[in-house]
Amino acid sequence: MKVGNNITLEIEILEKMLSIYCGSVHATAVLCAGCQDLLVYSAGRLAKCPHHPKPACKNCPTHCFPPDKRQRIREVMRHAGPKMPFYHPLLTLRHYL
């Protein structure tokens, strides 16, 4: 998998996770302003990641998120991660492969 495709996949997965999180926690059909801002910020940081292939953020030697945004991303992933196989099974499988 090429670097560009890897980052694109990561951003797509993050967008899906944020839509699951925002849909159930904030009860909106589209991303609220706070979740949209987090997606834009995260996509920018992912695009500038110096590590290829990109490790999981918790295992990364360089933390590119400030502590508050890192905590918000953790909340999103804890909430949406277990639900991903039910909402987006092929995308989840592709991510793990």
Protein backbone atom coordinates (compact mmCIF):
# COMPACT_ATOMS: atom_id res chain seq x y z
CA MET A 1 0.00 0.00 0.00
CA LYS A 2 1.38 3.38 -0.94
CA VAL A 3 1.82 6.15 1.61
CA GLY A 4 -0.84 8.38 0.05
CA ASN A 5 -3.38 5.55 0.05
CA ASN A 6 -2.56 4.73 3.67
CA ILE A 7 -3.20 8.32 4.79
CA THR A 8 -6.36 8.52 2.68
CA LEU A 9 -7.64 5.31 4.29
CA GLU A 10 -6.82 6.62 7.78
CA ILE A 11 -8.71 9.86 7.10
CA GLU A 12 -11.70 7.96 5.67
CA ILE A 13 -11.82 5.69 8.72
CA LEU A 14 -11.56 8.67 11.06
CA GLU A 15 -14.42 10.39 9.23
CA LYS A 16 -16.61 7.28 9.57
CA MET A 17 -15.74 6.94 13.27
CA LEU A 18 -16.57 10.59 13.89
CA SER A 19 -19.91 10.20 12.12
CA ILE A 20 -20.77 7.19 14.33
CA TYR A 21 -19.66 9.07 17.46
CA CYS A 22 -21.39 12.35 16.60
CA GLY A 23 -24.56 10.56 15.49
CA SER A 24 -25.00 8.77 18.79
CA VAL A 25 -23.42 11.18 21.30
CA HIS A 26 -24.48 14.50 19.79
CA ALA A 27 -27.58 13.09 18.04
CA THR A 28 -26.93 14.78 14.70
CA ALA A 29 -27.28 13.41 11.18
CA VAL A 30 -24.19 15.28 10.01
CA LEU A 31 -21.01 16.15 11.91
CA CYS A 32 -21.47 18.95 14.41
CA ALA A 33 -19.06 21.88 14.35
CA GLY A 34 -16.83 20.43 17.07
CA CYS A 35 -16.50 17.04 15.37
CA GLN A 36 -15.97 18.70 11.98
CA ASP A 37 -13.14 20.81 13.45
CA LEU A 38 -11.58 17.69 14.97
CA LEU A 39 -11.76 15.91 11.59
CA VAL A 40 -10.13 18.82 9.75
CA TYR A 41 -7.39 19.15 12.37
CA SER A 42 -6.75 15.40 12.44
CA ALA A 43 -6.65 15.10 8.66
CA GLY A 44 -4.08 17.88 8.51
CA ARG A 45 -1.94 16.19 11.15
CA LEU A 46 -2.22 12.79 9.42
CA ALA A 47 -1.17 14.31 6.11
CA LYS A 48 1.98 15.70 7.75
CA CYS A 49 2.87 12.49 9.64
CA PRO A 50 6.63 11.85 9.28
CA HIS A 51 6.29 8.11 9.99
CA HIS A 52 5.57 5.75 7.10
CA PRO A 53 4.00 3.32 7.56
CA LYS A 54 2.10 5.21 10.22
CA PRO A 55 2.04 3.47 13.61
CA ALA A 56 -0.93 3.60 15.94
CA CYS A 57 -0.95 6.97 17.69
CA LYS A 58 -0.55 5.40 21.12
CA ASN A 59 2.67 3.70 19.90
CA CYS A 60 4.02 6.70 18.00
CA PRO A 61 7.26 8.33 19.17
CA THR A 62 6.02 11.74 17.98
CA HIS A 63 2.70 12.95 19.40
CA CYS A 64 1.27 15.44 16.94
CA PHE A 65 -1.91 16.13 18.90
CA PRO A 66 -2.05 18.40 21.93
CA PRO A 67 -3.39 16.63 25.05
CA ASP A 68 -6.96 17.97 24.75
CA LYS A 69 -7.38 16.83 21.13
CA ARG A 70 -5.67 13.52 21.90
CA GLN A 71 -8.24 12.91 24.64
CA ARG A 72 -11.12 13.75 22.29
CA ILE A 73 -9.78 11.35 19.65
CA ARG A 74 -9.49 8.64 22.31
CA GLU A 75 -13.13 9.19 23.29
CA VAL A 76 -14.24 8.95 19.66
CA MET A 77 -12.23 5.77 19.07
CA ARG A 78 -13.41 4.12 22.29
CA HIS A 79 -17.02 4.84 21.39
CA ALA A 80 -16.97 4.18 17.64
CA GLY A 81 -14.25 1.50 17.37
CA PRO A 82 -16.36 -1.42 18.60
CA LYS A 83 -19.25 -0.31 16.36
CA MET A 84 -17.19 -0.01 13.16
CA PRO A 85 -17.56 -3.69 12.10
CA PHE A 86 -21.36 -3.31 12.23
CA TYR A 87 -21.54 0.00 10.35
CA HIS A 88 -18.60 -0.40 7.94
CA PRO A 89 -17.47 -4.04 7.86
CA LEU A 90 -15.42 -3.89 4.64
CA LEU A 91 -13.64 -0.71 5.68
CA THR A 92 -12.84 -2.24 9.07
CA LEU A 93 -11.48 -5.39 7.44
CA ARG A 94 -9.36 -3.35 5.04
CA HIS A 95 -7.98 -1.32 7.95
CA TYR A 96 -6.92 -4.41 9.87
CA LEU A 97 -5.32 -6.04 6.83
